Amino acid sequence: MIQTALAILADGLFAAIAAIGFGAISDPPMRAFPRIALLAAVGHALRFTLMTYFNVDIATGSLCASLTIGIGSMLLGRRIHCPTTVMSIPALLPMIPGMYAYKSVFSIIMFFQKIDDTAAGNMYLDSALRNGVITAFVIFMLAAGATLPILMFPNKAYTMTRRKEYAQQQQQI
């Protein structure tokens, strides 16, 4: 039980560190960094938990995690008057399936190197297609999950960076 909790916490910690690095590239306000780290830690730890302990596939786990990050960025962004994308995009980046993308590119390169060997070529082509589809679908699920809360609550997403008085005026219109 303690080992499981430590594995989940370690996963969240490493995702938080990576998200802070990704966030620093886009130069968000300093007040956003703790929230970026929190969102990344919660989202990545949720995906890790779903995949490791509940046998959920990577695409479904990524959708659940990105929905959590999307909703969390709306809630936390409202408090610090910061757009959702400033917090959600750096928090999502540690969940990009880099190993699958690497394997698909590697398989394409190997396919061209083994072009004369039909059996090896078919194996590498199958691997490239399988890993490429997984990469594309997981990235799609990450984008869909983070965007869905903004589409579901457009008034909240638009007015969250405005002061309270401005938000009240917009709701009256």
N, C-alpha and C. Protein backbone atom coordinates (compact mmCIF):
# COMPACT_ATOMS: atom_id res chain seq x y z
N MET A 1 0.82 -1.20 0.00
CA MET A 1 0.00 0.00 0.00
C MET A 1 0.86 1.26 0.00
N ILE A 2 1.88 1.28 0.86
CA ILE A 2 2.78 2.45 0.93
C ILE A 2 3.59 2.55 -0.35
N GLN A 3 4.00 1.41 -0.88
CA GLN A 3 4.77 1.41 -2.13
C GLN A 3 3.93 1.94 -3.29
N THR A 4 2.65 1.59 -3.30
CA THR A 4 1.74 2.09 -4.34
C THR A 4 1.59 3.60 -4.23
N ALA A 5 1.38 4.09 -3.01
CA ALA A 5 1.23 5.53 -2.81
C ALA A 5 2.51 6.27 -3.19
N LEU A 6 3.66 5.71 -2.87
CA LEU A 6 4.93 6.34 -3.24
C LEU A 6 5.12 6.38 -4.76
N ALA A 7 4.70 5.31 -5.44
CA ALA A 7 4.81 5.28 -6.91
C ALA A 7 3.93 6.35 -7.54
N ILE A 8 2.72 6.51 -7.03
CA ILE A 8 1.80 7.53 -7.55
C ILE A 8 2.33 8.93 -7.26
N LEU A 9 2.83 9.15 -6.05
CA LEU A 9 3.40 10.46 -5.70
C LEU A 9 4.64 10.78 -6.53
N ALA A 10 5.49 9.79 -6.74
CA ALA A 10 6.69 10.01 -7.56
C ALA A 10 6.31 10.35 -8.99
N ASP A 11 5.32 9.66 -9.53
CA ASP A 11 4.86 9.96 -10.88
C ASP A 11 4.35 11.40 -10.97
N GLY A 12 3.56 11.80 -10.01
CA GLY A 12 3.04 13.17 -9.99
C GLY A 12 4.14 14.20 -9.82
N LEU A 13 5.12 13.89 -8.98
CA LEU A 13 6.23 14.83 -8.75
C LEU A 13 7.05 15.05 -10.02
N PHE A 14 7.38 13.97 -10.70
CA PHE A 14 8.16 14.10 -11.93
C PHE A 14 7.38 14.83 -13.02
N ALA A 15 6.08 14.60 -13.09
CA ALA A 15 5.25 15.32 -14.06
C ALA A 15 5.20 16.81 -13.72
N ALA A 16 5.15 17.13 -12.43
CA ALA A 16 5.11 18.53 -12.00
C ALA A 16 6.41 19.25 -12.37
N ILE A 17 7.53 18.57 -12.18
CA ILE A 17 8.83 19.17 -12.53
C ILE A 17 8.91 19.41 -14.03
N ALA A 18 8.48 18.43 -14.81
CA ALA A 18 8.50 18.59 -16.27
C ALA A 18 7.56 19.72 -16.71
N ALA A 19 6.39 19.82 -16.10
CA ALA A 19 5.43 20.86 -16.47
C ALA A 19 5.95 22.25 -16.14
N ILE A 20 6.67 22.37 -15.04
CA ILE A 20 7.26 23.67 -14.70
C ILE A 20 8.27 24.06 -15.77
N GLY A 21 9.05 23.10 -16.23
CA GLY A 21 10.00 23.37 -17.31
C GLY A 21 9.31 23.77 -18.60
N PHE A 22 8.24 23.05 -18.95
CA PHE A 22 7.48 23.40 -20.15
C PHE A 22 6.81 24.76 -19.99
N GLY A 23 6.33 25.02 -18.79
CA GLY A 23 5.68 26.31 -18.55
C GLY A 23 6.65 27.47 -18.64
N ALA A 24 7.87 27.26 -18.20
CA ALA A 24 8.86 28.33 -18.24
C ALA A 24 9.15 28.79 -19.66
N ILE A 25 9.01 27.89 -20.62
CA ILE A 25 9.25 28.23 -22.02
C ILE A 25 8.24 29.27 -22.50
N SER A 26 6.99 29.14 -22.06
CA SER A 26 5.95 30.05 -22.53
C SER A 26 5.81 31.30 -21.66
N ASP A 27 6.61 31.45 -20.64
CA ASP A 27 6.68 32.64 -19.81
C ASP A 27 5.33 33.05 -19.20
N PRO A 28 4.70 32.16 -18.42
CA PRO A 28 3.45 32.55 -17.74
C PRO A 28 3.77 33.42 -16.52
N PRO A 29 2.76 34.04 -15.92
CA PRO A 29 3.03 34.80 -14.70
C PRO A 29 3.50 33.86 -13.58
N MET A 30 4.30 34.37 -12.70
CA MET A 30 4.87 33.55 -11.62
C MET A 30 3.79 32.88 -10.78
N ARG A 31 2.66 33.56 -10.63
CA ARG A 31 1.58 33.00 -9.80
C ARG A 31 0.97 31.74 -10.43
N ALA A 32 1.24 31.49 -11.70
CA ALA A 32 0.68 30.32 -12.38
C ALA A 32 1.51 29.05 -12.16
N PHE A 33 2.78 29.19 -11.83
CA PHE A 33 3.66 28.01 -11.74
C PHE A 33 3.20 26.97 -10.72
N PRO A 34 2.80 27.36 -9.50
CA PRO A 34 2.33 26.32 -8.57
C PRO A 34 1.09 25.58 -9.09
N ARG A 35 0.22 26.31 -9.78
CA ARG A 35 -0.98 25.68 -10.32
C ARG A 35 -0.66 24.76 -11.49
N ILE A 36 0.30 25.16 -12.32
CA ILE A 36 0.73 24.30 -13.43
C ILE A 36 1.28 23.00 -12.87
N ALA A 37 2.12 23.11 -11.85
CA ALA A 37 2.71 21.92 -11.23
C ALA A 37 1.62 21.03 -10.61
N LEU A 38 0.68 21.64 -9.93
CA LEU A 38 -0.40 20.87 -9.31
C LEU A 38 -1.25 20.15 -10.36
N LEU A 39 -1.62 20.87 -11.41
CA LEU A 39 -2.43 20.26 -12.46
C LEU A 39 -1.70 19.10 -13.13
N ALA A 40 -0.42 19.29 -13.43
CA ALA A 40 0.35 18.22 -14.06
C ALA A 40 0.48 17.01 -13.14
N ALA A 41 0.74 17.27 -11.87
CA ALA A 41 0.89 16.17 -10.92
C ALA A 41 -0.41 15.38 -10.78
N VAL A 42 -1.51 16.07 -10.63
CA VAL A 42 -2.80 15.40 -10.47
C VAL A 42 -3.17 14.64 -11.74
N GLY A 43 -3.04 15.30 -12.89
CA GLY A 43 -3.41 14.66 -14.15
C GLY A 43 -2.57 13.44 -14.48
N HIS A 44 -1.26 13.60 -14.37
CA HIS A 44 -0.37 12.47 -14.71
C HIS A 44 -0.52 11.35 -13.70
N ALA A 45 -0.66 11.68 -12.42
CA ALA A 45 -0.85 10.64 -11.40
C ALA A 45 -2.17 9.91 -11.61
N LEU A 46 -3.20 10.64 -12.05
CA LEU A 46 -4.48 9.99 -12.33
C LEU A 46 -4.33 9.01 -13.49
N ARG A 47 -3.68 9.45 -14.56
CA ARG A 47 -3.49 8.54 -15.71
C ARG A 47 -2.65 7.33 -15.30
N PHE A 48 -1.57 7.56 -14.54
CA PHE A 48 -0.72 6.47 -14.07
C PHE A 48 -1.52 5.48 -13.23
N THR A 49 -2.35 6.00 -12.33
CA THR A 49 -3.16 5.15 -11.46
C THR A 49 -4.18 4.34 -12.28
N LEU A 50 -4.85 5.00 -13.21
CA LEU A 50 -5.83 4.29 -14.03
C LEU A 50 -5.18 3.21 -14.87
N MET A 51 -4.03 3.52 -15.45
CA MET A 51 -3.37 2.54 -16.31
C MET A 51 -2.73 1.40 -15.52
N THR A 52 -2.12 1.72 -14.39
CA THR A 52 -1.36 0.73 -13.64
C THR A 52 -2.24 -0.15 -12.76
N TYR A 53 -3.18 0.47 -12.06
CA TYR A 53 -3.93 -0.27 -11.05
C TYR A 53 -5.36 -0.62 -11.46
N PHE A 54 -5.88 0.01 -12.51
CA PHE A 54 -7.24 -0.27 -12.96
C PHE A 54 -7.29 -0.80 -14.39
N ASN A 55 -6.12 -1.07 -14.98
CA ASN A 55 -6.00 -1.68 -16.30
C ASN A 55 -6.76 -0.91 -17.39
N VAL A 56 -6.69 0.42 -17.32
CA VAL A 56 -7.31 1.28 -18.33
C VAL A 56 -6.27 1.55 -19.41
N ASP A 57 -6.70 1.62 -20.67
CA ASP A 57 -5.76 1.86 -21.76
C ASP A 57 -5.26 3.31 -21.72
N ILE A 58 -4.18 3.58 -22.45
CA ILE A 58 -3.53 4.89 -22.40
C ILE A 58 -4.42 6.00 -22.96
N ALA A 59 -5.23 5.71 -23.97
CA ALA A 59 -6.08 6.74 -24.55
C ALA A 59 -7.19 7.15 -23.58
N THR A 60 -7.85 6.21 -22.97
CA THR A 60 -8.91 6.52 -22.02
C THR A 60 -8.33 7.18 -20.77
N GLY A 61 -7.19 6.69 -20.30
CA GLY A 61 -6.53 7.32 -19.16
C GLY A 61 -6.12 8.76 -19.46
N SER A 62 -5.64 8.99 -20.67
CA SER A 62 -5.25 10.35 -21.08
C SER A 62 -6.46 11.26 -21.16
N LEU A 63 -7.59 10.74 -21.65
CA LEU A 63 -8.81 11.55 -21.71
C LEU A 63 -9.26 11.94 -20.31
N CYS A 64 -9.28 10.99 -19.39
CA CYS A 64 -9.68 11.30 -18.00
C CYS A 64 -8.74 12.32 -17.37
N ALA A 65 -7.46 12.14 -17.58
CA ALA A 65 -6.47 13.06 -17.01
C ALA A 65 -6.59 14.45 -17.62
N SER A 66 -6.78 14.52 -18.93
CA SER A 66 -6.87 15.84 -19.57
C SER A 66 -8.17 16.55 -19.22
N LEU A 67 -9.25 15.82 -19.02
CA LEU A 67 -10.48 16.43 -18.51
C LEU A 67 -10.25 17.01 -17.12
N THR A 68 -9.56 16.27 -16.29
CA THR A 68 -9.24 16.76 -14.95
C THR A 68 -8.40 18.02 -15.02
N ILE A 69 -7.42 18.04 -15.90
CA ILE A 69 -6.56 19.21 -16.06
C ILE A 69 -7.37 20.38 -16.62
N GLY A 70 -8.24 20.12 -17.59
CA GLY A 70 -9.06 21.18 -18.17
C GLY A 70 -9.99 21.82 -17.16
N ILE A 71 -10.68 21.00 -16.38
CA ILE A 71 -11.59 21.52 -15.35
C ILE A 71 -10.78 22.22 -14.25
N GLY A 72 -9.68 21.62 -13.86
CA GLY A 72 -8.83 22.23 -12.84
C GLY A 72 -8.25 23.56 -13.27
N SER A 73 -7.87 23.67 -14.54
CA SER A 73 -7.32 24.94 -15.00
C SER A 73 -8.38 26.02 -15.04
N MET A 74 -9.63 25.66 -15.28
CA MET A 74 -10.70 26.65 -15.22
C MET A 74 -10.93 27.12 -13.78
N LEU A 75 -10.92 26.18 -12.86
CA LEU A 75 -11.15 26.54 -11.46
C LEU A 75 -10.00 27.35 -10.88
N LEU A 76 -8.77 26.90 -11.17
CA LEU A 76 -7.61 27.59 -10.61
C LEU A 76 -7.31 28.89 -11.35
N GLY A 77 -7.59 28.93 -12.65
CA GLY A 77 -7.34 30.13 -13.43
C GLY A 77 -8.22 31.28 -13.02
N ARG A 78 -9.41 30.97 -12.59
CA ARG A 78 -10.34 32.00 -12.15
C ARG A 78 -9.79 32.74 -10.92
N ARG A 79 -9.15 32.02 -10.05
CA ARG A 79 -8.62 32.63 -8.82
C ARG A 79 -7.46 33.58 -9.07
N ILE A 80 -6.66 33.27 -10.08
CA ILE A 80 -5.48 34.12 -10.31
C ILE A 80 -5.61 34.94 -11.59
N HIS A 81 -6.80 34.95 -12.18
CA HIS A 81 -7.08 35.72 -13.40
C HIS A 81 -6.08 35.38 -14.50
N CYS A 82 -6.03 34.08 -14.80
CA CYS A 82 -5.08 33.58 -15.79
C CYS A 82 -5.85 32.67 -16.75
N PRO A 83 -5.62 32.80 -18.05
CA PRO A 83 -6.34 31.94 -19.01
C PRO A 83 -6.06 30.45 -18.78
N THR A 84 -7.04 29.64 -19.12
CA THR A 84 -6.91 28.20 -18.89
C THR A 84 -5.74 27.61 -19.66
N THR A 85 -5.52 28.08 -20.87
CA THR A 85 -4.47 27.47 -21.70
C THR A 85 -3.08 27.73 -21.15
N VAL A 86 -2.91 28.81 -20.42
CA VAL A 86 -1.60 29.11 -19.82
C VAL A 86 -1.22 28.02 -18.83
N MET A 87 -2.22 27.46 -18.17
CA MET A 87 -1.94 26.41 -17.19
C MET A 87 -2.12 25.00 -17.76
N SER A 88 -3.09 24.82 -18.63
CA SER A 88 -3.38 23.45 -19.08
C SER A 88 -2.35 22.92 -20.07
N ILE A 89 -1.87 23.74 -20.97
CA ILE A 89 -0.93 23.22 -21.99
C ILE A 89 0.38 22.73 -21.36
N PRO A 90 1.04 23.51 -20.49
CA PRO A 90 2.25 22.95 -19.87
C PRO A 90 1.97 21.72 -19.01
N ALA A 91 0.78 21.67 -18.42
CA ALA A 91 0.43 20.51 -17.59
C ALA A 91 0.17 19.26 -18.44
N LEU A 92 -0.28 19.46 -19.68
CA LEU A 92 -0.55 18.34 -20.57
C LEU A 92 0.70 17.78 -21.24
N LEU A 93 1.70 18.61 -21.45
CA LEU A 93 2.87 18.19 -22.21
C LEU A 93 3.61 16.98 -21.65
N PRO A 94 3.71 16.80 -20.33
CA PRO A 94 4.37 15.57 -19.85
C PRO A 94 3.62 14.29 -20.21
N MET A 95 2.37 14.41 -20.66
CA MET A 95 1.60 13.22 -21.01
C MET A 95 1.66 12.88 -22.49
N ILE A 96 2.42 13.63 -23.27
CA ILE A 96 2.60 13.31 -24.68
C ILE A 96 3.30 11.94 -24.76
N PRO A 97 2.78 11.02 -25.54
CA PRO A 97 3.35 9.66 -25.59
C PRO A 97 4.63 9.61 -26.43
N GLY A 98 5.70 10.08 -25.88
CA GLY A 98 6.97 10.18 -26.61
C GLY A 98 7.55 8.85 -27.03
N MET A 99 7.40 7.83 -26.20
CA MET A 99 7.96 6.53 -26.55
C MET A 99 7.25 5.93 -27.76
N TYR A 100 5.94 6.10 -27.84
CA TYR A 100 5.22 5.59 -29.00
C TYR A 100 5.62 6.36 -30.26
N ALA A 101 5.78 7.67 -30.14
CA ALA A 101 6.21 8.47 -31.30
C ALA A 101 7.61 8.06 -31.74
N TYR A 102 8.49 7.87 -30.77
CA TYR A 102 9.85 7.42 -31.10
C TYR A 102 9.83 6.07 -31.81
N LYS A 103 9.06 5.14 -31.29
CA LYS A 103 9.00 3.80 -31.90
C LYS A 103 8.42 3.86 -33.31
N SER A 104 7.47 4.74 -33.55
CA SER A 104 6.91 4.82 -34.90
C SER A 104 7.93 5.39 -35.88
N VAL A 105 8.66 6.42 -35.48
CA VAL A 105 9.69 6.99 -36.36
C VAL A 105 10.83 5.99 -36.56
N PHE A 106 11.24 5.32 -35.49
CA PHE A 106 12.29 4.32 -35.60
C PHE A 106 11.88 3.19 -36.55
N SER A 107 10.62 2.77 -36.44
CA SER A 107 10.14 1.69 -37.31
C SER A 107 10.09 2.13 -38.77
N ILE A 108 9.75 3.36 -39.02
CA ILE A 108 9.75 3.86 -40.40
C ILE A 108 11.17 3.86 -40.97
N ILE A 109 12.12 4.31 -40.17
CA ILE A 109 13.52 4.31 -40.61
C ILE A 109 14.00 2.88 -40.88
N MET A 110 13.67 1.97 -39.98
CA MET A 110 14.07 0.57 -40.17
C MET A 110 13.37 -0.06 -41.37
N PHE A 111 12.13 0.34 -41.61
CA PHE A 111 11.41 -0.16 -42.78
C PHE A 111 12.17 0.18 -44.06
N PHE A 112 12.65 1.42 -44.16
CA PHE A 112 13.39 1.82 -45.36
C PHE A 112 14.76 1.17 -45.44
N GLN A 113 15.35 0.85 -44.29
CA GLN A 113 16.64 0.17 -44.32
C GLN A 113 16.50 -1.30 -44.70
N LYS A 114 15.36 -1.89 -44.42
CA LYS A 114 15.11 -3.32 -44.71
C LYS A 114 14.11 -3.47 -45.86
N ILE A 115 14.17 -2.57 -46.80
CA ILE A 115 13.19 -2.53 -47.89
C ILE A 115 13.20 -3.81 -48.74
N ASP A 116 14.33 -4.50 -48.83
CA ASP A 116 14.41 -5.72 -49.64
C ASP A 116 13.91 -6.96 -48.90
N ASP A 117 13.88 -6.93 -47.57
CA ASP A 117 13.42 -8.06 -46.77
C ASP A 117 11.93 -7.88 -46.48
N THR A 118 11.09 -8.62 -47.15
CA THR A 118 9.63 -8.45 -47.04
C THR A 118 9.12 -8.72 -45.63
N ALA A 119 9.61 -9.78 -45.00
CA ALA A 119 9.13 -10.13 -43.65
C ALA A 119 9.50 -9.03 -42.65
N ALA A 120 10.75 -8.58 -42.68
CA ALA A 120 11.17 -7.53 -41.77
C ALA A 120 10.46 -6.21 -42.09
N GLY A 121 10.29 -5.93 -43.39
CA GLY A 121 9.60 -4.71 -43.79
C GLY A 121 8.17 -4.67 -43.28
N ASN A 122 7.48 -5.81 -43.39
CA ASN A 122 6.10 -5.88 -42.88
C ASN A 122 6.04 -5.70 -41.37
N MET A 123 7.01 -6.28 -40.68
CA MET A 123 7.05 -6.14 -39.23
C MET A 123 7.25 -4.67 -38.83
N TYR A 124 8.20 -4.00 -39.50
CA TYR A 124 8.47 -2.59 -39.17
C TYR A 124 7.31 -1.68 -39.59
N LEU A 125 6.69 -1.99 -40.69
CA LEU A 125 5.55 -1.20 -41.15
C LEU A 125 4.37 -1.35 -40.18
N ASP A 126 4.15 -2.57 -39.72
CA ASP A 126 3.10 -2.82 -38.72
C ASP A 126 3.40 -2.05 -37.43
N SER A 127 4.63 -2.09 -37.00
CA SER A 127 5.02 -1.38 -35.78
C SER A 127 4.86 0.14 -35.94
N ALA A 128 5.24 0.66 -37.10
CA ALA A 128 5.11 2.10 -37.35
C ALA A 128 3.64 2.51 -37.34
N LEU A 129 2.81 1.72 -37.97
CA LEU A 129 1.39 2.04 -38.02
C LEU A 129 0.75 1.95 -36.63
N ARG A 130 1.04 0.89 -35.91
CA ARG A 130 0.46 0.69 -34.58
C ARG A 130 0.87 1.82 -33.64
N ASN A 131 2.17 2.10 -33.57
CA ASN A 131 2.65 3.14 -32.67
C ASN A 131 2.22 4.54 -33.11
N GLY A 132 2.16 4.77 -34.42
CA GLY A 132 1.71 6.07 -34.93
C GLY A 132 0.25 6.33 -34.60
N VAL A 133 -0.59 5.31 -34.74
CA VAL A 133 -2.01 5.47 -34.41
C VAL A 133 -2.19 5.72 -32.91
N ILE A 134 -1.46 5.01 -32.09
CA ILE A 134 -1.55 5.22 -30.65
C ILE A 134 -1.12 6.65 -30.31
N THR A 135 -0.02 7.11 -30.88
CA THR A 135 0.47 8.47 -30.63
C THR A 135 -0.58 9.50 -31.05
N ALA A 136 -1.09 9.37 -32.24
CA ALA A 136 -2.07 10.34 -32.74
C ALA A 136 -3.35 10.34 -31.91
N PHE A 137 -3.81 9.17 -31.55
CA PHE A 137 -5.07 9.09 -30.80
C PHE A 137 -4.91 9.62 -29.39
N VAL A 138 -3.79 9.33 -28.74
CA VAL A 138 -3.57 9.86 -27.39
C VAL A 138 -3.47 11.38 -27.42
N ILE A 139 -2.76 11.93 -28.40
CA ILE A 139 -2.66 13.38 -28.51
C ILE A 139 -4.04 13.99 -28.77
N PHE A 140 -4.84 13.34 -29.61
CA PHE A 140 -6.20 13.81 -29.84
C PHE A 140 -7.02 13.80 -28.55
N MET A 141 -6.90 12.74 -27.78
CA MET A 141 -7.66 12.64 -26.52
C MET A 141 -7.20 13.70 -25.52
N LEU A 142 -5.90 13.98 -25.48
CA LEU A 142 -5.41 15.03 -24.60
C LEU A 142 -6.00 16.38 -25.00
N ALA A 143 -5.99 16.66 -26.28
CA ALA A 143 -6.54 17.94 -26.76
C ALA A 143 -8.04 18.03 -26.52
N ALA A 144 -8.75 16.95 -26.80
CA ALA A 144 -10.20 16.94 -26.62
C ALA A 144 -10.58 17.11 -25.15
N GLY A 145 -9.89 16.41 -24.28
CA GLY A 145 -10.20 16.49 -22.86
C GLY A 145 -9.92 17.86 -22.27
N ALA A 146 -8.86 18.51 -22.72
CA ALA A 146 -8.53 19.83 -22.19
C ALA A 146 -9.45 20.91 -22.77
N THR A 147 -9.95 20.69 -23.98
CA THR A 147 -10.80 21.68 -24.64
C THR A 147 -12.27 21.55 -24.24
N LEU A 148 -12.70 20.37 -23.92
CA LEU A 148 -14.10 20.13 -23.61
C LEU A 148 -14.65 21.02 -22.50
N PRO A 149 -13.95 21.22 -21.38
CA PRO A 149 -14.49 22.13 -20.36
C PRO A 149 -14.66 23.57 -20.86
N ILE A 150 -13.78 24.02 -21.73
CA ILE A 150 -13.90 25.37 -22.28
C ILE A 150 -15.13 25.45 -23.18
N LEU A 151 -15.39 24.40 -23.95
CA LEU A 151 -16.57 24.38 -24.82
C LEU A 151 -17.86 24.22 -24.03
N MET A 152 -17.80 23.50 -22.92
CA MET A 152 -18.99 23.30 -22.09
C MET A 152 -19.37 24.55 -21.31
N PHE A 153 -18.38 25.33 -20.91
CA PHE A 153 -18.62 26.53 -20.12
C PHE A 153 -17.98 27.75 -20.77
N PRO A 154 -18.47 28.17 -21.93
CA PRO A 154 -17.79 29.27 -22.63
C PRO A 154 -17.82 30.58 -21.88
N ASN A 155 -18.91 30.88 -21.16
CA ASN A 155 -18.97 32.13 -20.40
C ASN A 155 -17.96 32.14 -19.26
N LYS A 156 -17.81 31.02 -18.62
CA LYS A 156 -16.84 30.92 -17.52
C LYS A 156 -15.42 31.05 -18.07
N ALA A 157 -15.15 30.40 -19.18
CA ALA A 157 -13.80 30.43 -19.75
C ALA A 157 -13.44 31.83 -20.23
N TYR A 158 -14.41 32.55 -20.79
CA TYR A 158 -14.12 33.89 -21.31
C TYR A 158 -13.94 34.92 -20.20
N THR A 159 -14.78 34.85 -19.18
CA THR A 159 -14.76 35.88 -18.15
C THR A 159 -13.79 35.60 -17.02
N MET A 160 -13.12 34.48 -17.05
CA MET A 160 -12.27 34.13 -15.91
C MET A 160 -11.07 35.05 -15.74
N THR A 161 -10.61 35.67 -16.82
CA THR A 161 -9.46 36.56 -16.70
C THR A 161 -9.88 38.00 -16.43
N ARG A 162 -11.17 38.24 -16.42
CA ARG A 162 -11.69 39.58 -16.16
C ARG A 162 -11.94 39.75 -14.68
N ARG A 163 -11.97 40.96 -14.25
CA ARG A 163 -12.29 41.25 -12.86
C ARG A 163 -13.76 40.95 -12.60
N LYS A 164 -14.15 40.88 -11.36
CA LYS A 164 -15.48 40.47 -10.97
C LYS A 164 -16.56 41.39 -11.57
N GLU A 165 -16.32 42.68 -11.56
CA GLU A 165 -17.31 43.63 -12.07
C GLU A 165 -17.58 43.39 -13.55
N TYR A 166 -16.52 43.18 -14.32
CA TYR A 166 -16.65 42.94 -15.75
C TYR A 166 -17.40 41.64 -16.01
N ALA A 167 -17.12 40.63 -15.24
CA ALA A 167 -17.80 39.35 -15.41
C ALA A 167 -19.28 39.49 -15.13
N GLN A 168 -19.66 40.27 -14.12
CA GLN A 168 -21.06 40.48 -13.82
C GLN A 168 -21.76 41.24 -14.94
N GLN A 169 -21.08 42.22 -15.52
CA GLN A 169 -21.66 42.95 -16.64
C GLN A 169 -21.91 42.03 -17.82
N GLN A 170 -20.99 41.13 -18.11
CA GLN A 170 -21.14 40.22 -19.24
C GLN A 170 -22.27 39.23 -19.02
N GLN A 171 -22.49 38.82 -17.78
CA GLN A 171 -23.56 37.87 -17.51
C GLN A 171 -24.93 38.53 -17.64
N GLN A 172 -25.00 39.85 -17.40
CA GLN A 172 -26.26 40.55 -17.52
C GLN A 172 -26.66 40.78 -18.96
N ILE A 173 -25.67 40.80 -19.86
CA ILE A 173 -25.95 41.06 -21.28
C ILE A 173 -26.53 39.88 -21.96
